[in-house]
Amino acid sequence: MSSIYLKNSDISRILIGIPQGHKHLRIIIELKNNKKLIFSEATLANIVRAYITVKTHPKITSVELLLKNLENEEIKNGYSKFQLLESYKDSFTVSKEMKEIMDKAENL
């Protein structure tokens, strides 16, 4: 699997909001190469939760989120059965894996 590193200079604009006819927030990132990345509200919420954890926790410096299907579990009303939840991988291991991926990544 190839990896692409996106920087601010690769992005032409970002749209955030609830599209007409929809109920949930979406984020659309338009790249300078005219490709568009569209993220669901659930994806954004999971990323924001992990971001806040890393930025505010005194010891956690990296986290890994893994897709979990919570179909057979009781979840809060309105939540997707598919969630990106924290794994039990330690910060050091996640950070090392991130470096390995970034060292091989292509610029857009």
N, C-alpha and C. Protein backbone atom coordinates (compact mmCIF):
# COMPACT_ATOMS: atom_id res chain seq x y z
N MET A 1 0.85 -1.18 0.00
CA MET A 1 0.00 0.00 0.00
C MET A 1 0.89 1.23 0.00
N SER A 2 0.62 2.16 -0.92
CA SER A 2 1.40 3.38 -0.94
C SER A 2 0.77 4.41 0.00
N SER A 3 1.58 5.35 0.43
CA SER A 3 1.14 6.40 1.34
C SER A 3 1.41 7.76 0.71
N ILE A 4 0.50 8.69 0.92
CA ILE A 4 0.67 10.06 0.43
C ILE A 4 0.60 11.00 1.62
N TYR A 5 1.57 11.88 1.71
CA TYR A 5 1.64 12.86 2.79
C TYR A 5 1.00 14.16 2.30
N LEU A 6 -0.11 14.57 2.94
CA LEU A 6 -0.80 15.80 2.58
C LEU A 6 -0.37 16.93 3.51
N LYS A 7 -0.02 18.05 2.92
CA LYS A 7 0.34 19.23 3.68
C LYS A 7 -0.68 20.33 3.37
N ASN A 8 -0.67 21.39 4.15
CA ASN A 8 -1.57 22.52 3.88
C ASN A 8 -1.43 22.99 2.45
N SER A 9 -0.21 23.00 1.93
CA SER A 9 0.03 23.51 0.58
C SER A 9 -0.57 22.60 -0.50
N ASP A 10 -1.01 21.39 -0.13
CA ASP A 10 -1.65 20.46 -1.08
C ASP A 10 -3.16 20.64 -1.13
N ILE A 11 -3.70 21.45 -0.23
CA ILE A 11 -5.15 21.60 -0.08
C ILE A 11 -5.57 22.95 -0.63
N SER A 12 -6.60 22.94 -1.48
CA SER A 12 -7.10 24.22 -2.01
C SER A 12 -8.21 24.80 -1.14
N ARG A 13 -9.06 23.93 -0.57
CA ARG A 13 -10.08 24.41 0.36
C ARG A 13 -10.69 23.25 1.11
N ILE A 14 -11.38 23.59 2.21
CA ILE A 14 -12.08 22.60 3.03
C ILE A 14 -13.50 23.10 3.27
N LEU A 15 -14.47 22.22 3.09
CA LEU A 15 -15.87 22.53 3.39
C LEU A 15 -16.29 21.69 4.59
N ILE A 16 -16.93 22.33 5.56
CA ILE A 16 -17.41 21.63 6.75
C ILE A 16 -18.85 22.04 6.99
N GLY A 17 -19.75 21.07 7.11
CA GLY A 17 -21.14 21.39 7.38
C GLY A 17 -22.05 20.22 7.09
N ILE A 18 -23.33 20.50 7.15
CA ILE A 18 -24.34 19.49 6.88
C ILE A 18 -24.85 19.73 5.46
N PRO A 19 -24.57 18.82 4.53
CA PRO A 19 -25.04 19.01 3.15
C PRO A 19 -26.57 19.02 3.08
N GLN A 20 -27.10 19.76 2.14
CA GLN A 20 -28.55 19.79 1.95
C GLN A 20 -29.08 18.38 1.78
N GLY A 21 -30.17 18.07 2.47
CA GLY A 21 -30.79 16.76 2.37
C GLY A 21 -30.17 15.71 3.27
N HIS A 22 -29.16 16.07 4.05
CA HIS A 22 -28.51 15.14 4.97
C HIS A 22 -28.75 15.58 6.41
N LYS A 23 -28.48 14.68 7.34
CA LYS A 23 -28.65 14.98 8.76
C LYS A 23 -27.32 15.18 9.48
N HIS A 24 -26.24 14.64 8.90
CA HIS A 24 -24.97 14.62 9.62
C HIS A 24 -23.91 15.45 8.93
N LEU A 25 -23.01 15.95 9.74
CA LEU A 25 -21.89 16.76 9.29
C LEU A 25 -20.99 15.99 8.34
N ARG A 26 -20.41 16.66 7.39
CA ARG A 26 -19.41 16.10 6.49
C ARG A 26 -18.28 17.10 6.38
N ILE A 27 -17.10 16.58 6.08
CA ILE A 27 -15.96 17.43 5.75
C ILE A 27 -15.49 17.02 4.36
N ILE A 28 -15.35 18.00 3.50
CA ILE A 28 -14.83 17.76 2.16
C ILE A 28 -13.52 18.52 2.04
N ILE A 29 -12.45 17.79 1.77
CA ILE A 29 -11.15 18.41 1.57
C ILE A 29 -10.84 18.34 0.08
N GLU A 30 -10.74 19.51 -0.53
CA GLU A 30 -10.42 19.59 -1.95
C GLU A 30 -8.91 19.79 -2.09
N LEU A 31 -8.29 18.88 -2.83
CA LEU A 31 -6.85 18.95 -3.04
C LEU A 31 -6.53 19.76 -4.29
N LYS A 32 -5.31 20.27 -4.36
CA LYS A 32 -4.90 21.06 -5.53
C LYS A 32 -4.91 20.24 -6.81
N ASN A 33 -4.85 18.90 -6.71
CA ASN A 33 -4.89 18.05 -7.91
C ASN A 33 -6.34 17.72 -8.32
N ASN A 34 -7.31 18.42 -7.74
CA ASN A 34 -8.75 18.30 -8.03
C ASN A 34 -9.41 17.06 -7.43
N LYS A 35 -8.70 16.26 -6.66
CA LYS A 35 -9.34 15.15 -5.95
C LYS A 35 -10.01 15.70 -4.70
N LYS A 36 -11.05 15.00 -4.25
CA LYS A 36 -11.78 15.42 -3.06
C LYS A 36 -11.84 14.26 -2.06
N LEU A 37 -11.54 14.54 -0.81
CA LEU A 37 -11.68 13.57 0.26
C LEU A 37 -12.90 13.96 1.07
N ILE A 38 -13.83 13.01 1.26
CA ILE A 38 -15.07 13.29 1.98
C ILE A 38 -15.09 12.42 3.24
N PHE A 39 -15.25 13.07 4.39
CA PHE A 39 -15.25 12.37 5.66
C PHE A 39 -16.62 12.49 6.33
N SER A 40 -17.09 11.40 6.91
CA SER A 40 -18.36 11.41 7.64
C SER A 40 -18.16 12.03 9.02
N GLU A 41 -19.26 12.41 9.63
CA GLU A 41 -19.21 12.98 10.98
C GLU A 41 -18.61 11.98 11.98
N ALA A 42 -18.96 10.71 11.84
CA ALA A 42 -18.43 9.70 12.77
C ALA A 42 -16.90 9.60 12.65
N THR A 43 -16.40 9.64 11.42
CA THR A 43 -14.95 9.58 11.22
C THR A 43 -14.29 10.79 11.85
N LEU A 44 -14.84 11.96 11.58
CA LEU A 44 -14.29 13.19 12.15
C LEU A 44 -14.31 13.15 13.67
N ALA A 45 -15.42 12.71 14.26
CA ALA A 45 -15.53 12.66 15.72
C ALA A 45 -14.46 11.74 16.32
N ASN A 46 -14.23 10.61 15.68
CA ASN A 46 -13.20 9.69 16.19
C ASN A 46 -11.81 10.29 16.09
N ILE A 47 -11.52 10.97 14.98
CA ILE A 47 -10.22 11.61 14.81
C ILE A 47 -10.04 12.74 15.83
N VAL A 48 -11.08 13.55 16.01
CA VAL A 48 -10.99 14.66 16.98
C VAL A 48 -10.78 14.13 18.40
N ARG A 49 -11.49 13.08 18.75
CA ARG A 49 -11.32 12.49 20.09
C ARG A 49 -9.88 12.04 20.30
N ALA A 50 -9.31 11.35 19.32
CA ALA A 50 -7.93 10.89 19.43
C ALA A 50 -6.95 12.06 19.45
N TYR A 51 -7.20 13.06 18.63
CA TYR A 51 -6.35 14.26 18.59
C TYR A 51 -6.32 14.93 19.96
N ILE A 52 -7.48 15.14 20.55
CA ILE A 52 -7.56 15.79 21.86
C ILE A 52 -6.83 14.96 22.91
N THR A 53 -6.96 13.64 22.84
CA THR A 53 -6.25 12.77 23.78
C THR A 53 -4.75 12.98 23.67
N VAL A 54 -4.23 12.94 22.46
CA VAL A 54 -2.78 13.08 22.27
C VAL A 54 -2.30 14.47 22.69
N LYS A 55 -3.07 15.52 22.36
CA LYS A 55 -2.66 16.89 22.66
C LYS A 55 -2.76 17.23 24.14
N THR A 56 -3.68 16.58 24.88
CA THR A 56 -3.93 17.00 26.26
C THR A 56 -3.48 16.00 27.32
N HIS A 57 -3.23 14.75 26.96
CA HIS A 57 -2.84 13.75 27.94
C HIS A 57 -1.36 13.91 28.29
N PRO A 58 -1.02 13.84 29.57
CA PRO A 58 0.38 14.06 29.97
C PRO A 58 1.34 12.94 29.55
N LYS A 59 0.84 11.78 29.19
CA LYS A 59 1.73 10.67 28.84
C LYS A 59 1.50 10.10 27.45
N ILE A 60 0.28 10.16 26.94
CA ILE A 60 -0.03 9.57 25.64
C ILE A 60 0.46 10.50 24.54
N THR A 61 1.34 9.99 23.67
CA THR A 61 1.90 10.78 22.58
C THR A 61 1.44 10.30 21.21
N SER A 62 0.85 9.14 21.13
CA SER A 62 0.36 8.57 19.86
C SER A 62 -0.75 7.58 20.19
N VAL A 63 -1.71 7.47 19.29
CA VAL A 63 -2.76 6.46 19.44
C VAL A 63 -3.04 5.82 18.09
N GLU A 64 -3.54 4.61 18.13
CA GLU A 64 -4.00 3.90 16.95
C GLU A 64 -5.49 3.69 17.09
N LEU A 65 -6.25 4.02 16.04
CA LEU A 65 -7.68 3.76 16.00
C LEU A 65 -7.92 2.60 15.04
N LEU A 66 -8.71 1.64 15.47
CA LEU A 66 -9.05 0.49 14.64
C LEU A 66 -10.55 0.42 14.43
N LEU A 67 -10.96 -0.02 13.26
CA LEU A 67 -12.37 -0.16 12.97
C LEU A 67 -12.97 -1.30 13.79
N LYS A 68 -14.05 -0.98 14.47
CA LYS A 68 -14.79 -1.98 15.25
C LYS A 68 -16.25 -1.93 14.82
N ASN A 69 -16.85 -3.10 14.63
CA ASN A 69 -18.26 -3.21 14.34
C ASN A 69 -18.97 -3.50 15.65
N LEU A 70 -19.75 -2.56 16.13
CA LEU A 70 -20.44 -2.68 17.42
C LEU A 70 -21.88 -3.14 17.26
N GLU A 71 -22.14 -3.85 16.16
CA GLU A 71 -23.50 -4.28 15.83
C GLU A 71 -24.14 -5.10 16.96
N ASN A 72 -23.36 -5.94 17.60
CA ASN A 72 -23.90 -6.81 18.64
C ASN A 72 -23.74 -6.24 20.04
N GLU A 73 -23.38 -4.97 20.12
CA GLU A 73 -23.19 -4.32 21.42
C GLU A 73 -24.17 -3.16 21.54
N GLU A 74 -24.47 -2.80 22.78
CA GLU A 74 -25.34 -1.67 23.01
C GLU A 74 -24.53 -0.38 22.86
N ILE A 75 -25.00 0.51 21.99
CA ILE A 75 -24.30 1.77 21.78
C ILE A 75 -25.27 2.93 21.98
N LYS A 76 -24.72 4.12 22.17
CA LYS A 76 -25.55 5.30 22.37
C LYS A 76 -26.43 5.54 21.15
N ASN A 77 -27.63 6.05 21.38
CA ASN A 77 -28.58 6.34 20.33
C ASN A 77 -27.98 7.35 19.34
N GLY A 78 -28.10 7.07 18.06
CA GLY A 78 -27.60 7.96 17.03
C GLY A 78 -26.17 7.70 16.62
N TYR A 79 -25.49 6.79 17.28
CA TYR A 79 -24.09 6.48 16.95
C TYR A 79 -24.04 5.39 15.89
N SER A 80 -23.07 5.47 15.03
CA SER A 80 -22.86 4.46 14.00
C SER A 80 -22.40 3.16 14.66
N LYS A 81 -22.81 2.02 14.08
CA LYS A 81 -22.33 0.73 14.61
C LYS A 81 -20.86 0.52 14.26
N PHE A 82 -20.36 1.24 13.27
CA PHE A 82 -18.94 1.16 12.91
C PHE A 82 -18.21 2.33 13.56
N GLN A 83 -17.26 2.03 14.41
CA GLN A 83 -16.51 3.06 15.12
C GLN A 83 -15.02 2.82 14.98
N LEU A 84 -14.27 3.90 14.99
CA LEU A 84 -12.81 3.84 15.05
C LEU A 84 -12.44 4.04 16.51
N LEU A 85 -12.02 2.95 17.15
CA LEU A 85 -11.75 2.98 18.59
C LEU A 85 -10.27 2.73 18.87
N GLU A 86 -9.82 3.27 19.99
CA GLU A 86 -8.42 3.14 20.37
C GLU A 86 -8.05 1.68 20.54
N SER A 87 -6.88 1.32 20.01
CA SER A 87 -6.34 -0.03 20.23
C SER A 87 -5.57 -0.01 21.54
N TYR A 88 -5.04 -1.14 21.91
CA TYR A 88 -4.24 -1.22 23.14
C TYR A 88 -2.75 -1.08 22.85
N LYS A 89 -2.41 -0.70 21.62
CA LYS A 89 -1.00 -0.53 21.24
C LYS A 89 -0.43 0.67 21.98
N ASP A 90 0.77 0.54 22.51
CA ASP A 90 1.38 1.63 23.27
C ASP A 90 1.86 2.75 22.36
N SER A 91 2.03 3.94 22.93
CA SER A 91 2.43 5.13 22.17
C SER A 91 3.74 4.95 21.43
N PHE A 92 4.72 4.31 22.05
CA PHE A 92 6.02 4.13 21.43
C PHE A 92 5.89 3.31 20.15
N THR A 93 5.14 2.22 20.20
CA THR A 93 4.96 1.35 19.04
C THR A 93 4.23 2.08 17.92
N VAL A 94 3.19 2.84 18.27
CA VAL A 94 2.44 3.60 17.27
C VAL A 94 3.34 4.65 16.64
N SER A 95 4.10 5.35 17.45
CA SER A 95 5.00 6.39 16.95
C SER A 95 6.05 5.81 16.01
N LYS A 96 6.59 4.66 16.35
CA LYS A 96 7.59 4.00 15.50
C LYS A 96 6.97 3.61 14.15
N GLU A 97 5.77 3.05 14.19
CA GLU A 97 5.08 2.65 12.96
C GLU A 97 4.78 3.87 12.09
N MET A 98 4.39 4.97 12.72
CA MET A 98 4.13 6.20 11.98
C MET A 98 5.38 6.68 11.25
N LYS A 99 6.52 6.64 11.93
CA LYS A 99 7.77 7.06 11.30
C LYS A 99 8.09 6.20 10.10
N GLU A 100 7.93 4.89 10.23
CA GLU A 100 8.21 3.98 9.11
C GLU A 100 7.32 4.28 7.91
N ILE A 101 6.05 4.56 8.15
CA ILE A 101 5.11 4.88 7.06
C ILE A 101 5.49 6.22 6.42
N MET A 102 5.77 7.21 7.25
CA MET A 102 6.10 8.54 6.72
C MET A 102 7.42 8.54 5.95
N ASP A 103 8.37 7.73 6.38
CA ASP A 103 9.65 7.66 5.66
C ASP A 103 9.48 7.16 4.23
N LYS A 104 8.42 6.39 3.99
CA LYS A 104 8.16 5.83 2.65
C LYS A 104 7.11 6.62 1.86
N ALA A 105 6.50 7.60 2.50
CA ALA A 105 5.38 8.31 1.87
C ALA A 105 5.83 9.21 0.73
N GLU A 106 4.95 9.37 -0.23
CA GLU A 106 5.18 10.27 -1.35
C GLU A 106 4.52 11.61 -1.04
N ASN A 107 5.10 12.68 -1.54
CA ASN A 107 4.43 13.97 -1.48
C ASN A 107 3.43 14.05 -2.61
N LEU A 108 2.38 14.76 -2.40
CA LEU A 108 1.34 14.87 -3.43
C LEU A 108 1.82 15.65 -4.61
